[in-house]
Amino acid sequence: MQELNFPKFEYRFKSTENKVSIFDVIRKKFIILQPEEWVRQHCVHYLINVKNYPKSLINVEKELNLNGLKKRYDIVIFNPDGSIYLIVECKSHSIKIDQTTFDQIARYNLVLNATYLMVTNGLNHYYCEMDMQAEQYSFLKDIPDYTQK
Protein backbone atom coordinates (compact mmCIF):
# COMPACT_ATOMS: atom_id res chain seq x y z
CA MET A 1 0.00 0.00 0.00
CA GLN A 2 0.96 3.60 -0.57
CA GLU A 3 2.91 5.31 2.21
CA LEU A 4 0.79 8.15 3.59
CA ASN A 5 1.45 11.48 5.27
CA PHE A 6 0.50 10.26 8.76
CA PRO A 7 2.65 8.97 11.63
CA LYS A 8 3.43 5.23 11.63
CA PHE A 9 0.87 3.09 13.44
CA GLU A 10 0.50 -0.63 14.10
CA TYR A 11 -2.27 -2.39 12.18
CA ARG A 12 -3.71 -5.90 12.23
CA PHE A 13 -4.13 -7.60 8.88
CA LYS A 14 -5.55 -10.89 7.70
CA SER A 15 -5.75 -12.51 4.31
CA THR A 16 -8.67 -14.64 3.13
CA GLU A 17 -9.57 -15.72 -0.39
CA ASN A 18 -6.71 -13.63 -1.83
CA LYS A 19 -8.06 -10.46 -0.19
CA VAL A 20 -6.24 -8.55 2.52
CA SER A 21 -8.30 -7.03 5.32
CA ILE A 22 -7.37 -4.51 8.00
CA PHE A 23 -8.84 -4.45 11.50
CA ASP A 24 -10.94 -1.39 12.27
CA VAL A 25 -10.67 -0.57 16.00
CA ILE A 26 -13.92 1.43 15.88
CA ARG A 27 -16.14 -1.06 14.03
CA LYS A 28 -14.28 -3.92 15.77
CA LYS A 29 -14.03 -6.03 12.63
CA PHE A 30 -11.81 -6.68 9.63
CA ILE A 31 -12.54 -4.55 6.54
CA ILE A 32 -11.27 -5.35 3.03
CA LEU A 33 -8.25 -3.19 2.43
CA GLN A 34 -8.96 -0.76 -0.40
CA PRO A 35 -6.98 2.47 -0.97
CA GLU A 36 -9.68 4.62 0.69
CA GLU A 37 -9.87 2.24 3.66
CA TRP A 38 -6.08 2.53 4.05
CA VAL A 39 -6.48 6.32 4.35
CA ARG A 40 -9.49 5.98 6.69
CA GLN A 41 -7.63 3.64 9.05
CA HIS A 42 -4.60 5.94 9.18
CA CYS A 43 -6.91 8.85 9.96
CA VAL A 44 -8.73 6.91 12.72
CA HIS A 45 -5.41 6.02 14.37
CA TYR A 46 -4.23 9.62 14.01
CA LEU A 47 -7.39 10.91 15.73
CA ILE A 48 -7.06 8.38 18.57
CA ASN A 49 -3.28 8.24 19.09
CA VAL A 50 -2.15 11.76 18.18
CA LYS A 51 -5.21 13.95 18.75
CA ASN A 52 -6.41 11.90 21.77
CA TYR A 53 -10.08 11.56 20.75
CA PRO A 54 -11.77 8.75 22.71
CA LYS A 55 -12.82 5.75 20.62
CA SER A 56 -16.25 5.99 22.24
CA LEU A 57 -16.88 9.34 20.48
CA ILE A 58 -15.80 8.14 17.01
CA ASN A 59 -18.14 6.70 14.41
CA VAL A 60 -17.01 5.24 11.07
CA GLU A 61 -18.93 4.72 7.81
CA LYS A 62 -22.49 5.37 8.85
CA GLU A 63 -25.42 6.27 6.66
CA LEU A 64 -27.04 9.68 6.57
CA ASN A 65 -30.08 10.93 4.69
CA LEU A 66 -29.30 13.90 2.46
CA ASN A 67 -32.39 15.30 0.72
CA GLY A 68 -33.85 11.83 0.40
CA LEU A 69 -30.58 10.29 -0.81
CA LYS A 70 -28.70 7.77 1.30
CA LYS A 71 -25.05 8.76 1.71
CA ARG A 72 -22.26 7.47 3.95
CA TYR A 73 -19.82 9.62 5.87
CA ASP A 74 -16.31 8.33 6.53
CA ILE A 75 -15.57 9.44 10.09
CA VAL A 76 -17.52 11.50 12.62
CA ILE A 77 -16.41 12.57 16.07
CA PHE A 78 -19.19 13.40 18.51
CA ASN A 79 -19.20 15.81 21.42
CA PRO A 80 -20.10 14.17 24.75
CA ASP A 81 -23.61 15.70 24.42
CA GLY A 82 -24.18 13.82 21.13
CA SER A 83 -23.76 16.77 18.78
CA ILE A 84 -21.17 16.43 16.04
CA TYR A 85 -17.76 17.96 16.53
CA LEU A 86 -15.87 16.82 13.41
CA ILE A 87 -16.62 15.22 10.04
CA VAL A 88 -13.78 13.61 8.09
CA GLU A 89 -14.00 12.83 4.39
CA CYS A 90 -11.37 10.32 3.24
CA LYS A 91 -10.36 9.77 -0.36
CA SER A 92 -7.91 7.36 -1.92
CA HIS A 93 -4.34 8.67 -2.19
CA SER A 94 -4.80 8.70 -5.98
CA ILE A 95 -7.71 11.16 -5.85
CA LYS A 96 -6.86 14.83 -5.92
CA ILE A 97 -8.63 16.93 -3.31
CA ASP A 98 -10.57 19.63 -5.14
CA GLN A 99 -13.68 21.78 -4.83
CA THR A 100 -15.90 18.74 -5.48
CA THR A 101 -14.54 17.10 -2.33
CA PHE A 102 -15.22 20.21 -0.26
CA ASP A 103 -18.70 20.48 -1.78
CA GLN A 104 -19.38 16.86 -0.75
CA ILE A 105 -18.40 17.38 2.89
CA ALA A 106 -20.26 20.72 2.97
CA ARG A 107 -23.45 18.94 1.82
CA TYR A 108 -22.99 16.35 4.57
CA ASN A 109 -22.55 19.15 7.05
CA LEU A 110 -25.93 20.65 6.12
CA VAL A 111 -27.38 17.60 7.89
CA LEU A 112 -24.69 16.97 10.53
CA ASN A 113 -23.80 20.55 11.63
CA ALA A 114 -20.22 19.80 12.68
CA THR A 115 -17.93 22.47 14.11
CA TYR A 116 -14.90 21.18 12.20
CA LEU A 117 -14.34 19.51 8.83
CA MET A 118 -11.32 17.51 7.66
CA VAL A 119 -10.66 16.31 4.12
CA THR A 120 -7.76 13.96 3.39
CA ASN A 121 -6.42 11.69 0.70
CA GLY A 122 -3.70 10.52 3.07
CA LEU A 123 -1.11 12.72 1.40
CA ASN A 124 -2.78 16.13 1.79
CA HIS A 125 -4.95 17.11 4.75
CA TYR A 126 -7.25 20.14 4.92
CA TYR A 127 -8.97 21.41 8.06
CA CYS A 128 -11.82 23.90 8.35
CA GLU A 129 -13.74 25.51 11.18
CA MET A 130 -17.37 26.24 10.45
CA ASP A 131 -19.16 29.50 11.17
CA MET A 132 -22.81 28.45 10.97
CA GLN A 133 -24.22 31.97 11.42
CA ALA A 134 -22.18 33.36 8.52
CA GLU A 135 -22.55 30.10 6.54
CA GLN A 136 -18.84 29.99 5.78
CA TYR A 137 -15.71 28.17 6.83
CA SER A 138 -12.13 29.17 7.48
CA PHE A 139 -9.10 26.98 6.87
CA LEU A 140 -6.94 25.92 9.82
CA LYS A 141 -3.43 24.50 10.08
CA ASP A 142 -4.77 21.55 12.12
CA ILE A 143 -7.75 20.44 14.15
CA PRO A 144 -7.67 20.86 17.93
CA ASP A 145 -6.58 17.99 20.16
CA TYR A 146 -9.36 16.49 22.27
CA THR A 147 -7.79 18.04 25.38
CA GLN A 148 -8.17 21.51 23.78
CA LYS A 149 -11.93 21.13 23.29
C-alpha atoms as a PDB file:
ATOM      1  CA  MET A   1       0.000   0.000   0.000  1.00  0.00           C
ATOM      2  CA  GLN A   2       0.961   3.604  -0.573  1.00  0.00           C
ATOM      3  CA  GLU A   3       2.912   5.315   2.208  1.00  0.00           C
ATOM      4  CA  LEU A   4       0.787   8.148   3.589  1.00  0.00           C
ATOM      5  CA  ASN A   5       1.449  11.480   5.272  1.00  0.00           C
ATOM      6  CA  PHE A   6       0.501  10.257   8.761  1.00  0.00           C
ATOM      7  CA  PRO A   7       2.654   8.971  11.626  1.00  0.00           C
ATOM      8  CA  LYS A   8       3.428   5.234  11.626  1.00  0.00           C
ATOM      9  CA  PHE A   9       0.868   3.091  13.436  1.00  0.00           C
ATOM     10  CA  GLU A  10       0.498  -0.633  14.103  1.00  0.00           C
ATOM     11  CA  TYR A  11      -2.273  -2.390  12.181  1.00  0.00           C
ATOM     12  CA  ARG A  12      -3.712  -5.898  12.228  1.00  0.00           C
ATOM     13  CA  PHE A  13      -4.131  -7.599   8.876  1.00  0.00           C
ATOM     14  CA  LYS A  14      -5.550 -10.886   7.704  1.00  0.00           C
ATOM     15  CA  SER A  15      -5.752 -12.507   4.313  1.00  0.00           C
ATOM     16  CA  THR A  16      -8.670 -14.636   3.132  1.00  0.00           C
ATOM     17  CA  GLU A  17      -9.573 -15.717  -0.385  1.00  0.00           C
ATOM     18  CA  ASN A  18      -6.708 -13.629  -1.826  1.00  0.00           C
ATOM     19  CA  LYS A  19      -8.056 -10.456  -0.190  1.00  0.00           C
ATOM     20  CA  VAL A  20      -6.237  -8.548   2.522  1.00  0.00           C
ATOM     21  CA  SER A  21      -8.301  -7.027   5.324  1.00  0.00           C
ATOM     22  CA  ILE A  22      -7.366  -4.514   7.996  1.00  0.00           C
ATOM     23  CA  PHE A  23      -8.838  -4.446  11.503  1.00  0.00           C
ATOM     24  CA  ASP A  24     -10.943  -1.393  12.275  1.00  0.00           C
ATOM     25  CA  VAL A  25     -10.673  -0.570  15.997  1.00  0.00           C
ATOM     26  CA  ILE A  26     -13.922   1.426  15.883  1.00  0.00           C
ATOM     27  CA  ARG A  27     -16.143  -1.057  14.029  1.00  0.00           C
ATOM     28  CA  LYS A  28     -14.282  -3.921  15.767  1.00  0.00           C
ATOM     29  CA  LYS A  29     -14.028  -6.030  12.628  1.00  0.00           C
ATOM     30  CA  PHE A  30     -11.813  -6.676   9.630  1.00  0.00           C
ATOM     31  CA  ILE A  31     -12.538  -4.545   6.543  1.00  0.00           C
ATOM     32  CA  ILE A  32     -11.275  -5.353   3.031  1.00  0.00           C
ATOM     33  CA  LEU A  33      -8.245  -3.189   2.426  1.00  0.00           C
ATOM     34  CA  GLN A  34      -8.957  -0.760  -0.405  1.00  0.00           C
ATOM     35  CA  PRO A  35      -6.980   2.472  -0.968  1.00  0.00           C
ATOM     36  CA  GLU A  36      -9.682   4.623   0.686  1.00  0.00           C
ATOM     37  CA  GLU A  37      -9.868   2.242   3.662  1.00  0.00           C
ATOM     38  CA  TRP A  38      -6.083   2.530   4.050  1.00  0.00           C
ATOM     39  CA  VAL A  39      -6.479   6.317   4.353  1.00  0.00           C
ATOM     40  CA  ARG A  40      -9.488   5.978   6.689  1.00  0.00           C
ATOM     41  CA  GLN A  41      -7.625   3.637   9.054  1.00  0.00           C
ATOM     42  CA  HIS A  42      -4.602   5.942   9.184  1.00  0.00           C
ATOM     43  CA  CYS A  43      -6.913   8.845   9.962  1.00  0.00           C
ATOM     44  CA  VAL A  44      -8.734   6.908  12.717  1.00  0.00           C
ATOM     45  CA  HIS A  45      -5.415   6.017  14.369  1.00  0.00           C
ATOM     46  CA  TYR A  46      -4.233   9.620  14.014  1.00  0.00           C
ATOM     47  CA  LEU A  47      -7.388  10.914  15.731  1.00  0.00           C
ATOM     48  CA  ILE A  48      -7.060   8.384  18.566  1.00  0.00           C
ATOM     49  CA  ASN A  49      -3.284   8.241  19.094  1.00  0.00           C
ATOM     50  CA  VAL A  50      -2.154  11.756  18.182  1.00  0.00           C
ATOM     51  CA  LYS A  51      -5.213  13.953  18.748  1.00  0.00           C
ATOM     52  CA  ASN A  52      -6.415  11.901  21.771  1.00  0.00           C
ATOM     53  CA  TYR A  53     -10.075  11.564  20.751  1.00  0.00           C
ATOM     54  CA  PRO A  54     -11.767   8.752  22.705  1.00  0.00           C
ATOM     55  CA  LYS A  55     -12.820   5.751  20.616  1.00  0.00           C
ATOM     56  CA  SER A  56     -16.245   5.991  22.240  1.00  0.00           C
ATOM     57  CA  LEU A  57     -16.880   9.343  20.485  1.00  0.00           C
ATOM     58  CA  ILE A  58     -15.803   8.145  17.014  1.00  0.00           C
ATOM     59  CA  ASN A  59     -18.141   6.698  14.414  1.00  0.00           C
ATOM     60  CA  VAL A  60     -17.011   5.237  11.068  1.00  0.00           C
ATOM     61  CA  GLU A  61     -18.927   4.724   7.810  1.00  0.00           C
ATOM     62  CA  LYS A  62     -22.491   5.367   8.851  1.00  0.00           C
ATOM     63  CA  GLU A  63     -25.425   6.268   6.660  1.00  0.00           C
ATOM     64  CA  LEU A  64     -27.043   9.676   6.568  1.00  0.00           C
ATOM     65  CA  ASN A  65     -30.077  10.925   4.692  1.00  0.00           C
ATOM     66  CA  LEU A  66     -29.304  13.904   2.464  1.00  0.00           C
ATOM     67  CA  ASN A  67     -32.388  15.304   0.716  1.00  0.00           C
ATOM     68  CA  GLY A  68     -33.854  11.830   0.395  1.00  0.00           C
ATOM     69  CA  LEU A  69     -30.584  10.286  -0.807  1.00  0.00           C
ATOM     70  CA  LYS A  70     -28.698   7.769   1.296  1.00  0.00           C
ATOM     71  CA  LYS A  71     -25.046   8.757   1.706  1.00  0.00           C
ATOM     72  CA  ARG A  72     -22.260   7.474   3.953  1.00  0.00           C
ATOM     73  CA  TYR A  73     -19.817   9.619   5.870  1.00  0.00           C
ATOM     74  CA  ASP A  74     -16.306   8.330   6.532  1.00  0.00           C
ATOM     75  CA  ILE A  75     -15.572   9.444  10.094  1.00  0.00           C
ATOM     76  CA  VAL A  76     -17.522  11.505  12.623  1.00  0.00           C
ATOM     77  CA  ILE A  77     -16.412  12.574  16.074  1.00  0.00           C
ATOM     78  CA  PHE A  78     -19.190  13.401  18.507  1.00  0.00           C
ATOM     79  CA  ASN A  79     -19.198  15.810  21.417  1.00  0.00           C
ATOM     80  CA  PRO A  80     -20.096  14.172  24.752  1.00  0.00           C
ATOM     81  CA  ASP A  81     -23.605  15.704  24.416  1.00  0.00           C
ATOM     82  CA  GLY A  82     -24.184  13.818  21.134  1.00  0.00           C
ATOM     83  CA  SER A  83     -23.763  16.773  18.782  1.00  0.00           C
ATOM     84  CA  ILE A  84     -21.170  16.434  16.037  1.00  0.00           C
ATOM     85  CA  TYR A  85     -17.758  17.956  16.535  1.00  0.00           C
ATOM     86  CA  LEU A  86     -15.869  16.823  13.408  1.00  0.00           C
ATOM     87  CA  ILE A  87     -16.622  15.220  10.040  1.00  0.00           C
ATOM     88  CA  VAL A  88     -13.776  13.612   8.092  1.00  0.00           C
ATOM     89  CA  GLU A  89     -14.002  12.826   4.389  1.00  0.00           C
ATOM     90  CA  CYS A  90     -11.368  10.325   3.239  1.00  0.00           C
ATOM     91  CA  LYS A  91     -10.364   9.765  -0.358  1.00  0.00           C
ATOM     92  CA  SER A  92      -7.911   7.362  -1.924  1.00  0.00           C
ATOM     93  CA  HIS A  93      -4.342   8.671  -2.193  1.00  0.00           C
ATOM     94  CA  SER A  94      -4.796   8.705  -5.982  1.00  0.00           C
ATOM     95  CA  ILE A  95      -7.714  11.159  -5.851  1.00  0.00           C
ATOM     96  CA  LYS A  96      -6.861  14.830  -5.923  1.00  0.00           C
ATOM     97  CA  ILE A  97      -8.629  16.934  -3.309  1.00  0.00           C
ATOM     98  CA  ASP A  98     -10.569  19.629  -5.137  1.00  0.00           C
ATOM     99  CA  GLN A  99     -13.676  21.777  -4.833  1.00  0.00           C
ATOM    100  CA  THR A 100     -15.895  18.744  -5.483  1.00  0.00           C
ATOM    101  CA  THR A 101     -14.536  17.098  -2.330  1.00  0.00           C
ATOM    102  CA  PHE A 102     -15.220  20.213  -0.260  1.00  0.00           C
ATOM    103  CA  ASP A 103     -18.705  20.481  -1.779  1.00  0.00           C
ATOM    104  CA  GLN A 104     -19.383  16.863  -0.748  1.00  0.00           C
ATOM    105  CA  ILE A 105     -18.405  17.381   2.888  1.00  0.00           C
ATOM    106  CA  ALA A 106     -20.260  20.723   2.969  1.00  0.00           C
ATOM    107  CA  ARG A 107     -23.452  18.944   1.818  1.00  0.00           C
ATOM    108  CA  TYR A 108     -22.994  16.345   4.571  1.00  0.00           C
ATOM    109  CA  ASN A 109     -22.551  19.149   7.052  1.00  0.00           C
ATOM    110  CA  LEU A 110     -25.934  20.649   6.116  1.00  0.00           C
ATOM    111  CA  VAL A 111     -27.380  17.599   7.890  1.00  0.00           C
ATOM    112  CA  LEU A 112     -24.691  16.965  10.530  1.00  0.00           C
ATOM    113  CA  ASN A 113     -23.797  20.553  11.631  1.00  0.00           C
ATOM    114  CA  ALA A 114     -20.220  19.804  12.683  1.00  0.00           C
ATOM    115  CA  THR A 115     -17.928  22.468  14.112  1.00  0.00           C
ATOM    116  CA  TYR A 116     -14.898  21.177  12.195  1.00  0.00           C
ATOM    117  CA  LEU A 117     -14.337  19.510   8.830  1.00  0.00           C
ATOM    118  CA  MET A 118     -11.323  17.506   7.665  1.00  0.00           C
ATOM    119  CA  VAL A 119     -10.657  16.307   4.124  1.00  0.00           C
ATOM    120  CA  THR A 120      -7.761  13.961   3.392  1.00  0.00           C
ATOM    121  CA  ASN A 121      -6.419  11.695   0.700  1.00  0.00           C
ATOM    122  CA  GLY A 122      -3.702  10.517   3.065  1.00  0.00           C
ATOM    123  CA  LEU A 123      -1.113  12.722   1.403  1.00  0.00           C
ATOM    124  CA  ASN A 124      -2.784  16.128   1.793  1.00  0.00           C
ATOM    125  CA  HIS A 125      -4.953  17.114   4.746  1.00  0.00           C
ATOM    126  CA  TYR A 126      -7.248  20.138   4.920  1.00  0.00           C
ATOM    127  CA  TYR A 127      -8.973  21.405   8.057  1.00  0.00           C
ATOM    128  CA  CYS A 128     -11.818  23.901   8.351  1.00  0.00           C
ATOM    129  CA  GLU A 129     -13.737  25.510  11.176  1.00  0.00           C
ATOM    130  CA  MET A 130     -17.373  26.238  10.453  1.00  0.00           C
ATOM    131  CA  ASP A 131     -19.159  29.495  11.174  1.00  0.00           C
ATOM    132  CA  MET A 132     -22.806  28.451  10.975  1.00  0.00           C
ATOM    133  CA  GLN A 133     -24.218  31.968  11.418  1.00  0.00           C
ATOM    134  CA  ALA A 134     -22.177  33.362   8.518  1.00  0.00           C
ATOM    135  CA  GLU A 135     -22.547  30.100   6.541  1.00  0.00           C
ATOM    136  CA  GLN A 136     -18.836  29.992   5.784  1.00  0.00           C
ATOM    137  CA  TYR A 137     -15.705  28.172   6.832  1.00  0.00           C
ATOM    138  CA  SER A 138     -12.127  29.165   7.477  1.00  0.00           C
ATOM    139  CA  PHE A 139      -9.096  26.981   6.873  1.00  0.00           C
ATOM    140  CA  LEU A 140      -6.939  25.924   9.817  1.00  0.00           C
ATOM    141  CA  LYS A 141      -3.426  24.502  10.079  1.00  0.00           C
ATOM    142  CA  ASP A 142      -4.770  21.552  12.123  1.00  0.00           C
ATOM    143  CA  ILE A 143      -7.755  20.437  14.154  1.00  0.00           C
ATOM    144  CA  PRO A 144      -7.670  20.860  17.934  1.00  0.00           C
ATOM    145  CA  ASP A 145      -6.583  17.988  20.158  1.00  0.00           C
ATOM    146  CA  TYR A 146      -9.358  16.487  22.271  1.00  0.00           C
ATOM    147  CA  THR A 147      -7.788  18.044  25.384  1.00  0.00           C
ATOM    148  CA  GLN A 148      -8.174  21.508  23.776  1.00  0.00           C
ATOM    149  CA  LYS A 149     -11.926  21.133  23.287  1.00  0.00           C
END
